[in-house]
Every structure is written in C-alpha cells, then in structure tokens.
Amino acid sequence: KPEDTAVYYCAARLTYSYDYISDKPNDYRYWGQGTQ
C-alpha cells in the first residue's frame, strides 16, 4: 500500500536465548543502512 512507503532497516542483536524476540529498536545493537 502507499502507506508502506518508508526506509526499511534490518537489525540484529547477539542473544543466548533461542526464542526471545523484541519489538523495541533499543533492543537491537546492529543496524543496516536501510533500503527505500
């Protein structure tokens, strides 16, 4: 949809938990440069 227009970023964080996930940007340490 037009409202999906944005820069999309992937993010990563090293974790010892196999199943934990997070929706908070501050919980990720590494970021890509983004793709439009």
Full PDB file with SEQRES, HELIX, SHEET, SSBOND, CRYST1, ORIGX, SCALE, CONECT and MASTER records, all heavy atoms in Angstrom:
SEQRES   1 A   36  LYS PRO GLU ASP THR ALA VAL TYR TYR CYS ALA ALA ARG          
SEQRES   2 A   36  LEU THR TYR SER TYR ASP TYR ILE SER ASP LYS PRO ASN          
SEQRES   3 A   36  ASP TYR ARG TYR TRP GLY GLN GLY THR GLN                      
HELIX    1 AA1 PRO A    2  ASP A    4  5                                   3    
HELIX    2 AA2 PRO A   25  ASP A   27  5                                   3    
SHEET    1 AA1 2 ALA A  11  ALA A  12  0                                        
SHEET    2 AA1 2 TYR A  30  TRP A  31 -1                                        
CRYST1    1.000    1.000    1.000  90.00  90.00  90.00 P 1           1          
ORIGX1      1.000000  0.000000  0.000000        0.00000                         
ORIGX2      0.000000  1.000000  0.000000        0.00000                         
ORIGX3      0.000000  0.000000  1.000000        0.00000                         
SCALE1      1.000000  0.000000  0.000000        0.00000                         
SCALE2      0.000000  1.000000  0.000000        0.00000                         
SCALE3      0.000000  0.000000  1.000000        0.00000                         
ATOM      1  N   LYS A   1       0.844  -1.192   0.000  1.00  0.00           N  
ATOM      2  CA  LYS A   1       0.000   0.000   0.000  1.00  0.00           C  
ATOM      3  C   LYS A   1       0.885   1.250   0.000  1.00  0.00           C  
ATOM      4  O   LYS A   1       2.027   1.187   0.470  1.00  0.00           O  
ATOM      5  CB  LYS A   1      -0.888   0.016   1.239  1.00  0.00           C  
ATOM      6  CG  LYS A   1      -1.745  -1.224   1.429  1.00  0.00           C  
ATOM      7  CD  LYS A   1      -2.498  -1.158   2.745  1.00  0.00           C  
ATOM      8  CE  LYS A   1      -3.333  -2.405   2.969  1.00  0.00           C  
ATOM      9  NZ  LYS A   1      -4.069  -2.337   4.263  1.00  0.00           N  
ATOM     10  N   PRO A   2       0.373   2.366  -0.461  1.00  0.00           N  
ATOM     11  CA  PRO A   2       1.185   3.597  -0.424  1.00  0.00           C  
ATOM     12  C   PRO A   2       1.696   3.923   0.974  1.00  0.00           C  
ATOM     13  O   PRO A   2       2.805   4.459   1.111  1.00  0.00           O  
ATOM     14  CB  PRO A   2       0.209   4.660  -0.939  1.00  0.00           C  
ATOM     15  CG  PRO A   2      -0.706   3.902  -1.859  1.00  0.00           C  
ATOM     16  CD  PRO A   2      -0.886   2.563  -1.208  1.00  0.00           C  
ATOM     17  N   GLU A   3       0.940   3.578   2.001  1.00  0.00           N  
ATOM     18  CA  GLU A   3       1.389   3.870   3.369  1.00  0.00           C  
ATOM     19  C   GLU A   3       2.535   2.980   3.828  1.00  0.00           C  
ATOM     20  O   GLU A   3       3.099   3.190   4.899  1.00  0.00           O  
ATOM     21  CB  GLU A   3       0.231   3.782   4.362  1.00  0.00           C  
ATOM     22  CG  GLU A   3      -0.567   2.490   4.284  1.00  0.00           C  
ATOM     23  CD  GLU A   3      -1.828   2.646   3.453  1.00  0.00           C  
ATOM     24  OE1 GLU A   3      -1.764   3.252   2.357  1.00  0.00           O  
ATOM     25  OE2 GLU A   3      -2.878   2.136   3.896  1.00  0.00           O  
ATOM     26  N   ASP A   4       2.902   1.999   3.024  1.00  0.00           N  
ATOM     27  CA  ASP A   4       4.087   1.188   3.318  1.00  0.00           C  
ATOM     28  C   ASP A   4       5.368   1.877   2.865  1.00  0.00           C  
ATOM     29  O   ASP A   4       6.468   1.375   3.129  1.00  0.00           O  
ATOM     30  CB  ASP A   4       3.986  -0.183   2.640  1.00  0.00           C  
ATOM     31  CG  ASP A   4       2.851  -1.018   3.190  1.00  0.00           C  
ATOM     32  OD1 ASP A   4       2.628  -1.003   4.419  1.00  0.00           O  
ATOM     33  OD2 ASP A   4       2.168  -1.682   2.384  1.00  0.00           O  
ATOM     34  N   THR A   5       5.247   2.993   2.188  1.00  0.00           N  
ATOM     35  CA  THR A   5       6.423   3.717   1.724  1.00  0.00           C  
ATOM     36  C   THR A   5       7.261   4.159   2.918  1.00  0.00           C  
ATOM     37  O   THR A   5       6.779   4.819   3.830  1.00  0.00           O  
ATOM     38  CB  THR A   5       5.998   4.937   0.902  1.00  0.00           C  
ATOM     39  OG1 THR A   5       5.355   4.493  -0.292  1.00  0.00           O  
ATOM     40  CG2 THR A   5       7.208   5.790   0.534  1.00  0.00           C  
ATOM     41  N   ALA A   6       8.522   3.763   2.918  1.00  0.00           N  
ATOM     42  CA  ALA A   6       9.420   4.043   4.040  1.00  0.00           C  
ATOM     43  C   ALA A   6      10.799   3.499   3.700  1.00  0.00           C  
ATOM     44  O   ALA A   6      10.979   2.770   2.722  1.00  0.00           O  
ATOM     45  CB  ALA A   6       8.907   3.396   5.325  1.00  0.00           C  
ATOM     46  N   VAL A   7      11.752   3.848   4.548  1.00  0.00           N  
ATOM     47  CA  VAL A   7      13.053   3.177   4.517  1.00  0.00           C  
ATOM     48  C   VAL A   7      12.954   1.985   5.470  1.00  0.00           C  
ATOM     49  O   VAL A   7      12.530   2.137   6.619  1.00  0.00           O  
ATOM     50  CB  VAL A   7      14.191   4.117   4.950  1.00  0.00           C  
ATOM     51  CG1 VAL A   7      15.517   3.361   4.950  1.00  0.00           C  
ATOM     52  CG2 VAL A   7      14.260   5.318   4.007  1.00  0.00           C  
ATOM     53  N   TYR A   8      13.328   0.837   4.972  1.00  0.00           N  
ATOM     54  CA  TYR A   8      13.249  -0.396   5.755  1.00  0.00           C  
ATOM     55  C   TYR A   8      14.649  -0.786   6.215  1.00  0.00           C  
ATOM     56  O   TYR A   8      15.591  -0.821   5.408  1.00  0.00           O  
ATOM     57  CB  TYR A   8      12.623  -1.506   4.925  1.00  0.00           C  
ATOM     58  CG  TYR A   8      11.133  -1.347   4.789  1.00  0.00           C  
ATOM     59  CD1 TYR A   8      10.591  -0.349   3.981  1.00  0.00           C  
ATOM     60  CD2 TYR A   8      10.249  -2.183   5.478  1.00  0.00           C  
ATOM     61  CE1 TYR A   8       9.214  -0.177   3.873  1.00  0.00           C  
ATOM     62  CE2 TYR A   8       8.876  -2.030   5.363  1.00  0.00           C  
ATOM     63  CZ  TYR A   8       8.366  -1.022   4.567  1.00  0.00           C  
ATOM     64  OH  TYR A   8       7.007  -0.860   4.461  1.00  0.00           O  
ATOM     65  N   TYR A   9      14.749  -1.070   7.503  1.00  0.00           N  
ATOM     66  CA  TYR A   9      16.018  -1.411   8.119  1.00  0.00           C  
ATOM     67  C   TYR A   9      15.966  -2.805   8.726  1.00  0.00           C  
ATOM     68  O   TYR A   9      14.954  -3.166   9.331  1.00  0.00           O  
ATOM     69  CB  TYR A   9      16.353  -0.444   9.247  1.00  0.00           C  
ATOM     70  CG  TYR A   9      16.486   1.007   8.852  1.00  0.00           C  
ATOM     71  CD1 TYR A   9      15.377   1.849   8.852  1.00  0.00           C  
ATOM     72  CD2 TYR A   9      17.720   1.538   8.486  1.00  0.00           C  
ATOM     73  CE1 TYR A   9      15.494   3.184   8.499  1.00  0.00           C  
ATOM     74  CE2 TYR A   9      17.849   2.864   8.136  1.00  0.00           C  
ATOM     75  CZ  TYR A   9      16.736   3.688   8.141  1.00  0.00           C  
ATOM     76  OH  TYR A   9      16.860   5.011   7.794  1.00  0.00           O  
ATOM     77  N   CYS A  10      17.051  -3.543   8.603  1.00  0.00           N  
ATOM     78  CA  CYS A  10      17.152  -4.751   9.399  1.00  0.00           C  
ATOM     79  C   CYS A  10      18.057  -4.466  10.587  1.00  0.00           C  
ATOM     80  O   CYS A  10      18.915  -3.581  10.548  1.00  0.00           O  
ATOM     81  CB  CYS A  10      17.651  -5.945   8.590  1.00  0.00           C  
ATOM     82  SG  CYS A  10      19.353  -5.857   8.064  1.00  0.00           S  
ATOM     83  N   ALA A  11      17.845  -5.222  11.640  1.00  0.00           N  
ATOM     84  CA  ALA A  11      18.569  -5.013  12.882  1.00  0.00           C  
ATOM     85  C   ALA A  11      18.871  -6.355  13.518  1.00  0.00           C  
ATOM     86  O   ALA A  11      18.145  -7.335  13.313  1.00  0.00           O  
ATOM     87  CB  ALA A  11      17.752  -4.139  13.835  1.00  0.00           C  
ATOM     88  N   ALA A  12      19.931  -6.382  14.322  1.00  0.00           N  
ATOM     89  CA  ALA A  12      20.361  -7.645  14.915  1.00  0.00           C  
ATOM     90  C   ALA A  12      20.922  -7.413  16.308  1.00  0.00           C  
ATOM     91  O   ALA A  12      21.442  -6.343  16.626  1.00  0.00           O  
ATOM     92  CB  ALA A  12      21.428  -8.304  14.034  1.00  0.00           C  
ATOM     93  N   ARG A  13      20.805  -8.455  17.102  1.00  0.00           N  
ATOM     94  CA  ARG A  13      21.446  -8.428  18.422  1.00  0.00           C  
ATOM     95  C   ARG A  13      21.826  -9.841  18.800  1.00  0.00           C  
ATOM     96  O   ARG A  13      21.022 -10.773  18.662  1.00  0.00           O  
ATOM     97  CB  ARG A  13      20.545  -7.833  19.477  1.00  0.00           C  
ATOM     98  CG  ARG A  13      21.227  -7.837  20.857  1.00  0.00           C  
ATOM     99  CD  ARG A  13      20.734  -6.772  21.737  1.00  0.00           C  
ATOM    100  NE  ARG A  13      21.491  -6.738  22.987  1.00  0.00           N  
ATOM    101  CZ  ARG A  13      21.369  -5.773  23.874  1.00  0.00           C  
ATOM    102  NH1 ARG A  13      20.519  -4.788  23.690  1.00  0.00           N  
ATOM    103  NH2 ARG A  13      22.084  -5.804  24.976  1.00  0.00           N  
ATOM    104  N   LEU A  14      23.039  -9.985  19.285  1.00  0.00           N  
ATOM    105  CA  LEU A  14      23.513 -11.267  19.775  1.00  0.00           C  
ATOM    106  C   LEU A  14      22.690 -11.674  20.998  1.00  0.00           C  
ATOM    107  O   LEU A  14      22.411 -10.852  21.865  1.00  0.00           O  
ATOM    108  CB  LEU A  14      24.984 -11.161  20.156  1.00  0.00           C  
ATOM    109  CG  LEU A  14      25.696 -12.455  20.552  1.00  0.00           C  
ATOM    110  CD1 LEU A  14      25.801 -13.386  19.349  1.00  0.00           C  
ATOM    111  CD2 LEU A  14      27.090 -12.143  21.104  1.00  0.00           C  
ATOM    112  N   THR A  15      22.296 -12.942  21.035  1.00  0.00           N  
ATOM    113  CA  THR A  15      21.469 -13.390  22.146  1.00  0.00           C  
ATOM    114  C   THR A  15      21.779 -14.831  22.501  1.00  0.00           C  
ATOM    115  O   THR A  15      22.137 -15.630  21.632  1.00  0.00           O  
ATOM    116  CB  THR A  15      19.978 -13.265  21.803  1.00  0.00           C  
ATOM    117  OG1 THR A  15      19.187 -13.690  22.917  1.00  0.00           O  
ATOM    118  CG2 THR A  15      19.608 -14.117  20.589  1.00  0.00           C  
ATOM    119  N   TYR A  16      21.634 -15.151  23.780  1.00  0.00           N  
ATOM    120  CA  TYR A  16      21.789 -16.539  24.220  1.00  0.00           C  
ATOM    121  C   TYR A  16      20.444 -17.268  24.236  1.00  0.00           C  
ATOM    122  O   TYR A  16      20.399 -18.490  24.359  1.00  0.00           O  
ATOM    123  CB  TYR A  16      22.427 -16.580  25.605  1.00  0.00           C  
ATOM    124  CG  TYR A  16      23.854 -16.110  25.610  1.00  0.00           C  
ATOM    125  CD1 TYR A  16      24.200 -14.860  26.113  1.00  0.00           C  
ATOM    126  CD2 TYR A  16      24.861 -16.913  25.080  1.00  0.00           C  
ATOM    127  CE1 TYR A  16      25.520 -14.418  26.088  1.00  0.00           C  
ATOM    128  CE2 TYR A  16      26.184 -16.481  25.055  1.00  0.00           C  
ATOM    129  CZ  TYR A  16      26.503 -15.229  25.558  1.00  0.00           C  
ATOM    130  OH  TYR A  16      27.795 -14.792  25.533  1.00  0.00           O  
ATOM    131  N   SER A  17      19.369 -16.497  24.100  1.00  0.00           N  
ATOM    132  CA  SER A  17      18.039 -17.085  24.111  1.00  0.00           C  
ATOM    133  C   SER A  17      17.646 -17.527  22.709  1.00  0.00           C  
ATOM    134  O   SER A  17      17.745 -16.763  21.761  1.00  0.00           O  
ATOM    135  CB  SER A  17      17.012 -16.079  24.631  1.00  0.00           C  
ATOM    136  OG  SER A  17      15.701 -16.547  24.431  1.00  0.00           O  
ATOM    137  N   TYR A  18      17.175 -18.737  22.610  1.00  0.00           N  
ATOM    138  CA  TYR A  18      16.787 -19.248  21.296  1.00  0.00           C  
ATOM    139  C   TYR A  18      15.434 -18.711  20.843  1.00  0.00           C  
ATOM    140  O   TYR A  18      15.155 -18.666  19.640  1.00  0.00           O  
ATOM    141  CB  TYR A  18      16.747 -20.770  21.295  1.00  0.00           C  
ATOM    142  CG  TYR A  18      18.113 -21.389  21.201  1.00  0.00           C  
ATOM    143  CD1 TYR A  18      18.872 -21.642  22.339  1.00  0.00           C  
ATOM    144  CD2 TYR A  18      18.672 -21.695  19.970  1.00  0.00           C  
ATOM    145  CE1 TYR A  18      20.133 -22.192  22.253  1.00  0.00           C  
ATOM    146  CE2 TYR A  18      19.937 -22.239  19.870  1.00  0.00           C  
ATOM    147  CZ  TYR A  18      20.663 -22.492  21.018  1.00  0.00           C  
ATOM    148  OH  TYR A  18      21.922 -23.029  20.928  1.00  0.00           O  
ATOM    149  N   ASP A  19      14.605 -18.292  21.782  1.00  0.00           N  
ATOM    150  CA  ASP A  19      13.225 -17.946  21.407  1.00  0.00           C  
ATOM    151  C   ASP A  19      12.827 -16.501  21.699  1.00  0.00           C  
ATOM    152  O   ASP A  19      11.746 -16.085  21.310  1.00  0.00           O  
ATOM    153  CB  ASP A  19      12.248 -18.877  22.117  1.00  0.00           C  
ATOM    154  CG  ASP A  19      12.448 -20.320  21.709  1.00  0.00           C  
ATOM    155  OD1 ASP A  19      12.614 -20.558  20.485  1.00  0.00           O  
ATOM    156  OD2 ASP A  19      12.460 -21.199  22.579  1.00  0.00           O  
ATOM    157  N   TYR A  20      13.683 -15.729  22.374  1.00  0.00           N  
ATOM    158  CA  TYR A  20      13.314 -14.367  22.722  1.00  0.00           C  
ATOM    159  C   TYR A  20      13.330 -13.472  21.487  1.00  0.00           C  
ATOM    160  O   TYR A  20      14.247 -13.558  20.656  1.00  0.00           O  
ATOM    161  CB  TYR A  20      14.277 -13.795  23.763  1.00  0.00           C  
ATOM    162  CG  TYR A  20      13.982 -12.362  24.138  1.00  0.00           C  
ATOM    163  CD1 TYR A  20      12.893 -12.043  24.946  1.00  0.00           C  
ATOM    164  CD2 TYR A  20      14.788 -11.325  23.689  1.00  0.00           C  
ATOM    165  CE1 TYR A  20      12.619 -10.734  25.288  1.00  0.00           C  
ATOM    166  CE2 TYR A  20      14.529 -10.015  24.024  1.00  0.00           C  
ATOM    167  CZ  TYR A  20      13.438  -9.733  24.834  1.00  0.00           C  
ATOM    168  OH  TYR A  20      13.166  -8.434  25.171  1.00  0.00           O  
ATOM    169  N   ILE A  21      12.316 -12.631  21.360  1.00  0.00           N  
ATOM    170  CA  ILE A  21      12.284 -11.635  20.296  1.00  0.00           C  
ATOM    171  C   ILE A  21      11.859 -10.314  20.901  1.00  0.00           C  
ATOM    172  O   ILE A  21      11.290 -10.265  21.981  1.00  0.00           O  
ATOM    173  CB  ILE A  21      11.323 -12.036  19.152  1.00  0.00           C  
ATOM    174  CG1 ILE A  21       9.924 -12.377  19.698  1.00  0.00           C  
ATOM    175  CG2 ILE A  21      11.882 -13.175  18.344  1.00  0.00           C  
ATOM    176  CD1 ILE A  21       8.929 -12.706  18.617  1.00  0.00           C  
ATOM    177  N   SER A  22      12.121  -9.238  20.187  1.00  0.00           N  
ATOM    178  CA  SER A  22      11.799  -7.911  20.713  1.00  0.00           C  
ATOM    179  C   SER A  22      11.281  -7.018  19.601  1.00  0.00           C  
ATOM    180  O   SER A  22      11.734  -7.108  18.460  1.00  0.00           O  
ATOM    181  CB  SER A  22      13.039  -7.280  21.347  1.00  0.00           C  
ATOM    182  OG  SER A  22      12.771  -5.941  21.735  1.00  0.00           O  
ATOM    183  N   ASP A  23      10.346  -6.147  19.976  1.00  0.00           N  
ATOM    184  CA  ASP A  23       9.808  -5.185  19.021  1.00  0.00           C  
ATOM    185  C   ASP A  23      10.353  -3.786  19.255  1.00  0.00           C  
ATOM    186  O   ASP A  23       9.894  -2.838  18.617  1.00  0.00           O  
ATOM    187  CB  ASP A  23       8.284  -5.163  19.098  1.00  0.00           C  
ATOM    188  CG  ASP A  23       7.769  -4.704  20.458  1.00  0.00           C  
ATOM    189  OD1 ASP A  23       8.554  -4.753  21.432  1.00  0.00           O  
ATOM    190  OD2 ASP A  23       6.599  -4.305  20.546  1.00  0.00           O  
ATOM    191  N   LYS A  24      11.323  -3.644  20.131  1.00  0.00           N  
ATOM    192  CA  LYS A  24      11.834  -2.334  20.507  1.00  0.00           C  
ATOM    193  C   LYS A  24      13.151  -2.026  19.809  1.00  0.00           C  
ATOM    194  O   LYS A  24      14.108  -2.794  19.914  1.00  0.00           O  
ATOM    195  CB  LYS A  24      12.015  -2.253  22.016  1.00  0.00           C  
ATOM    196  CG  LYS A  24      10.716  -2.434  22.784  1.00  0.00           C  
ATOM    197  CD  LYS A  24      10.943  -2.431  24.265  1.00  0.00           C  
ATOM    198  CE  LYS A  24       9.626  -2.546  25.024  1.00  0.00           C  
ATOM    199  NZ  LYS A  24       8.865  -3.742  24.618  1.00  0.00           N  
ATOM    200  N   PRO A  25      13.250  -0.911  19.118  1.00  0.00           N  
ATOM    201  CA  PRO A  25      14.505  -0.579  18.429  1.00  0.00           C  
ATOM    202  C   PRO A  25      15.707  -0.561  19.370  1.00  0.00           C  
ATOM    203  O   PRO A  25      16.797  -0.971  18.969  1.00  0.00           O  
ATOM    204  CB  PRO A  25      14.225   0.819  17.860  1.00  0.00           C  
ATOM    205  CG  PRO A  25      12.739   0.887  17.705  1.00  0.00           C  
ATOM    206  CD  PRO A  25      12.191   0.091  18.848  1.00  0.00           C  
ATOM    207  N   ASN A  26      15.507  -0.117  20.615  1.00  0.00           N  
ATOM    208  CA  ASN A  26      16.631  -0.024  21.545  1.00  0.00           C  
ATOM    209  C   ASN A  26      17.176  -1.384  21.956  1.00  0.00           C  
ATOM    210  O   ASN A  26      18.264  -1.457  22.549  1.00  0.00           O  
ATOM    211  CB  ASN A  26      16.227   0.763  22.792  1.00  0.00           C  
ATOM    212  CG  ASN A  26      16.052   2.239  22.514  1.00  0.00           C  
ATOM    213  OD1 ASN A  26      16.532   2.738  21.500  1.00  0.00           O  
ATOM    214  ND2 ASN A  26      15.367   2.934  23.390  1.00  0.00           N  
ATOM    215  N   ASP A  27      16.445  -2.444  21.658  1.00  0.00           N  
ATOM    216  CA  ASP A  27      16.903  -3.790  21.997  1.00  0.00           C  
ATOM    217  C   ASP A  27      17.829  -4.378  20.938  1.00  0.00           C  
ATOM    218  O   ASP A  27      18.287  -5.515  21.087  1.00  0.00           O  
ATOM    219  CB  ASP A  27      15.710  -4.722  22.185  1.00  0.00           C  
ATOM    220  CG  ASP A  27      15.056  -4.542  23.544  1.00  0.00           C  
ATOM    221  OD1 ASP A  27      15.657  -3.854  24.392  1.00  0.00           O  
ATOM    222  OD2 ASP A  27      13.955  -5.072  23.746  1.00  0.00           O  
ATOM    223  N   TYR A  28      18.057  -3.629  19.871  1.00  0.00           N  
ATOM    224  CA  TYR A  28      18.927  -4.115  18.803  1.00  0.00           C  
ATOM    225  C   TYR A  28      20.196  -3.286  18.773  1.00  0.00           C  
ATOM    226  O   TYR A  28      20.170  -2.073  18.935  1.00  0.00           O  
ATOM    227  CB  TYR A  28      18.197  -4.043  17.453  1.00  0.00           C  
ATOM    228  CG  TYR A  28      17.056  -5.028  17.380  1.00  0.00           C  
ATOM    229  CD1 TYR A  28      15.807  -4.711  17.905  1.00  0.00           C  
ATOM    230  CD2 TYR A  28      17.230  -6.283  16.821  1.00  0.00           C  
ATOM    231  CE1 TYR A  28      14.769  -5.615  17.866  1.00  0.00           C  
ATOM    232  CE2 TYR A  28      16.195  -7.197  16.763  1.00  0.00           C  
ATOM    233  CZ  TYR A  28      14.959  -6.857  17.300  1.00  0.00           C  
ATOM    234  OH  TYR A  28      13.943  -7.758  17.258  1.00  0.00           O  
ATOM    235  N   ARG A  29      21.284  -3.956  18.531  1.00  0.00           N  
ATOM    236  CA  ARG A  29      22.571  -3.260  18.578  1.00  0.00           C  
ATOM    237  C   ARG A  29      23.101  -2.900  17.200  1.00  0.00           C  
ATOM    238  O   ARG A  29      23.756  -1.876  17.034  1.00  0.00           O  
ATOM    239  CB  ARG A  29      23.609  -4.129  19.300  1.00  0.00           C  
ATOM    240  CG  ARG A  29      24.969  -3.455  19.407  1.00  0.00           C  
ATOM    241  CD  ARG A  29      25.906  -4.236  20.293  1.00  0.00           C  
ATOM    242  NE  ARG A  29      27.193  -3.554  20.418  1.00  0.00           N  
ATOM    243  CZ  ARG A  29      28.216  -4.026  21.105  1.00  0.00           C  
ATOM    244  NH1 ARG A  29      28.113  -5.178  21.731  1.00  0.00           N  
ATOM    245  NH2 ARG A  29      29.331  -3.345  21.171  1.00  0.00           N  
ATOM    246  N   TYR A  30      22.838  -3.745  16.229  1.00  0.00           N  
ATOM    247  CA  TYR A  30      23.414  -3.539  14.894  1.00  0.00           C  
ATOM    248  C   TYR A  30      22.304  -3.235  13.899  1.00  0.00           C  
ATOM    249  O   TYR A  30      21.248  -3.867  13.918  1.00  0.00           O  
ATOM    250  CB  TYR A  30      24.193  -4.782  14.451  1.00  0.00           C  
ATOM    251  CG  TYR A  30      25.275  -5.170  15.417  1.00  0.00           C  
ATOM    252  CD1 TYR A  30      25.131  -6.250  16.263  1.00  0.00           C  
ATOM    253  CD2 TYR A  30      26.458  -4.426  15.484  1.00  0.00           C  
ATOM    254  CE1 TYR A  30      26.119  -6.600  17.155  1.00  0.00           C  
ATOM    255  CE2 TYR A  30      27.461  -4.767  16.378  1.00  0.00           C  
ATOM    256  CZ  TYR A  30      27.281  -5.853  17.211  1.00  0.00           C  
ATOM    257  OH  TYR A  30      28.263  -6.186  18.106  1.00  0.00           O  
ATOM    258  N   TRP A  31      22.598  -2.290  13.015  1.00  0.00           N  
ATOM    259  CA  TRP A  31      21.616  -1.835  12.041  1.00  0.00           C  
ATOM    260  C   TRP A  31      22.233  -1.755  10.657  1.00  0.00           C  
ATOM    261  O   TRP A  31      23.407  -1.408  10.510  1.00  0.00           O  
ATOM    262  CB  TRP A  31      21.084  -0.455  12.428  1.00  0.00           C  
ATOM    263  CG  TRP A  31      20.260  -0.470  13.670  1.00  0.00           C  
ATOM    264  CD1 TRP A  31      20.714  -0.458  14.963  1.00  0.00           C  
ATOM    265  CD2 TRP A  31      18.841  -0.543  13.744  1.00  0.00           C  
ATOM    266  NE1 TRP A  31      19.649  -0.511  15.834  1.00  0.00           N  
ATOM    267  CE2 TRP A  31      18.487  -0.554  15.110  1.00  0.00           C  
ATOM    268  CE3 TRP A  31      17.818  -0.594  12.793  1.00  0.00           C  
ATOM    269  CZ2 TRP A  31      17.150  -0.609  15.547  1.00  0.00           C  
ATOM    270  CZ3 TRP A  31      16.507  -0.635  13.225  1.00  0.00           C  
ATOM    271  CH2 TRP A  31      16.188  -0.655  14.588  1.00  0.00           C  
ATOM    272  N   GLY A  32      21.428  -2.052   9.661  1.00  0.00           N  
ATOM    273  CA  GLY A  32      21.847  -1.839   8.294  1.00  0.00           C  
ATOM    274  C   GLY A  32      21.633  -0.390   7.891  1.00  0.00           C  
ATOM    275  O   GLY A  32      21.124   0.422   8.670  1.00  0.00           O  
ATOM    276  N   GLN A  33      21.984  -0.085   6.664  1.00  0.00           N  
ATOM    277  CA  GLN A  33      21.878   1.291   6.181  1.00  0.00           C  
ATOM    278  C   GLN A  33      20.492   1.625   5.669  1.00  0.00           C  
ATOM    279  O   GLN A  33      20.159   2.790   5.455  1.00  0.00           O  
ATOM    280  CB  GLN A  33      22.907   1.538   5.069  1.00  0.00           C  
ATOM    281  CG  GLN A  33      22.490   1.085   3.685  1.00  0.00           C  
ATOM    282  CD  GLN A  33      22.460  -0.426   3.504  1.00  0.00           C  
ATOM    283  OE1 GLN A  33      22.937  -1.179   4.349  1.00  0.00           O  
ATOM    284  NE2 GLN A  33      21.884  -0.876   2.395  1.00  0.00           N  
ATOM    285  N   GLY A  34      19.676   0.605   5.484  1.00  0.00           N  
ATOM    286  CA  GLY A  34      18.306   0.805   5.044  1.00  0.00           C  
ATOM    287  C   GLY A  34      18.142   0.670   3.542  1.00  0.00           C  
ATOM    288  O   GLY A  34      19.080   0.878   2.770  1.00  0.00           O  
ATOM    289  N   THR A  35      16.939   0.303   3.145  1.00  0.00           N  
ATOM    290  CA  THR A  35      16.601   0.229   1.728  1.00  0.00           C  
ATOM    291  C   THR A  35      15.244   0.905   1.534  1.00  0.00           C  
ATOM    292  O   THR A  35      14.304   0.675   2.301  1.00  0.00           O  
ATOM    293  CB  THR A  35      16.580  -1.234   1.232  1.00  0.00           C  
ATOM    294  OG1 THR A  35      16.364  -1.254  -0.180  1.00  0.00           O  
ATOM    295  CG2 THR A  35      15.521  -2.075   1.915  1.00  0.00           C  
ATOM    296  N   GLN A  36      15.160   1.735   0.513  1.00  0.00           N  
ATOM    297  CA  GLN A  36      13.948   2.517   0.288  1.00  0.00           C  
ATOM    298  C   GLN A  36      12.890   1.680  -0.414  1.00  0.00           C  
ATOM    299  O   GLN A  36      13.171   1.036  -1.427  1.00  0.00           O  
ATOM    300  CB  GLN A  36      14.267   3.749  -0.555  1.00  0.00           C  
ATOM    301  CG  GLN A  36      13.049   4.587  -0.944  1.00  0.00           C  
ATOM    302  CD  GLN A  36      12.460   5.337   0.241  1.00  0.00           C  
ATOM    303  OE1 GLN A  36      13.197   5.954   1.014  1.00  0.00           O  
ATOM    304  NE2 GLN A  36      11.144   5.294   0.375  1.00  0.00           N  
TER     305      GLN A  36                                                      
MASTER        0    0    0    2    2    0    0    6  304    1    0    3          
END                                                                             
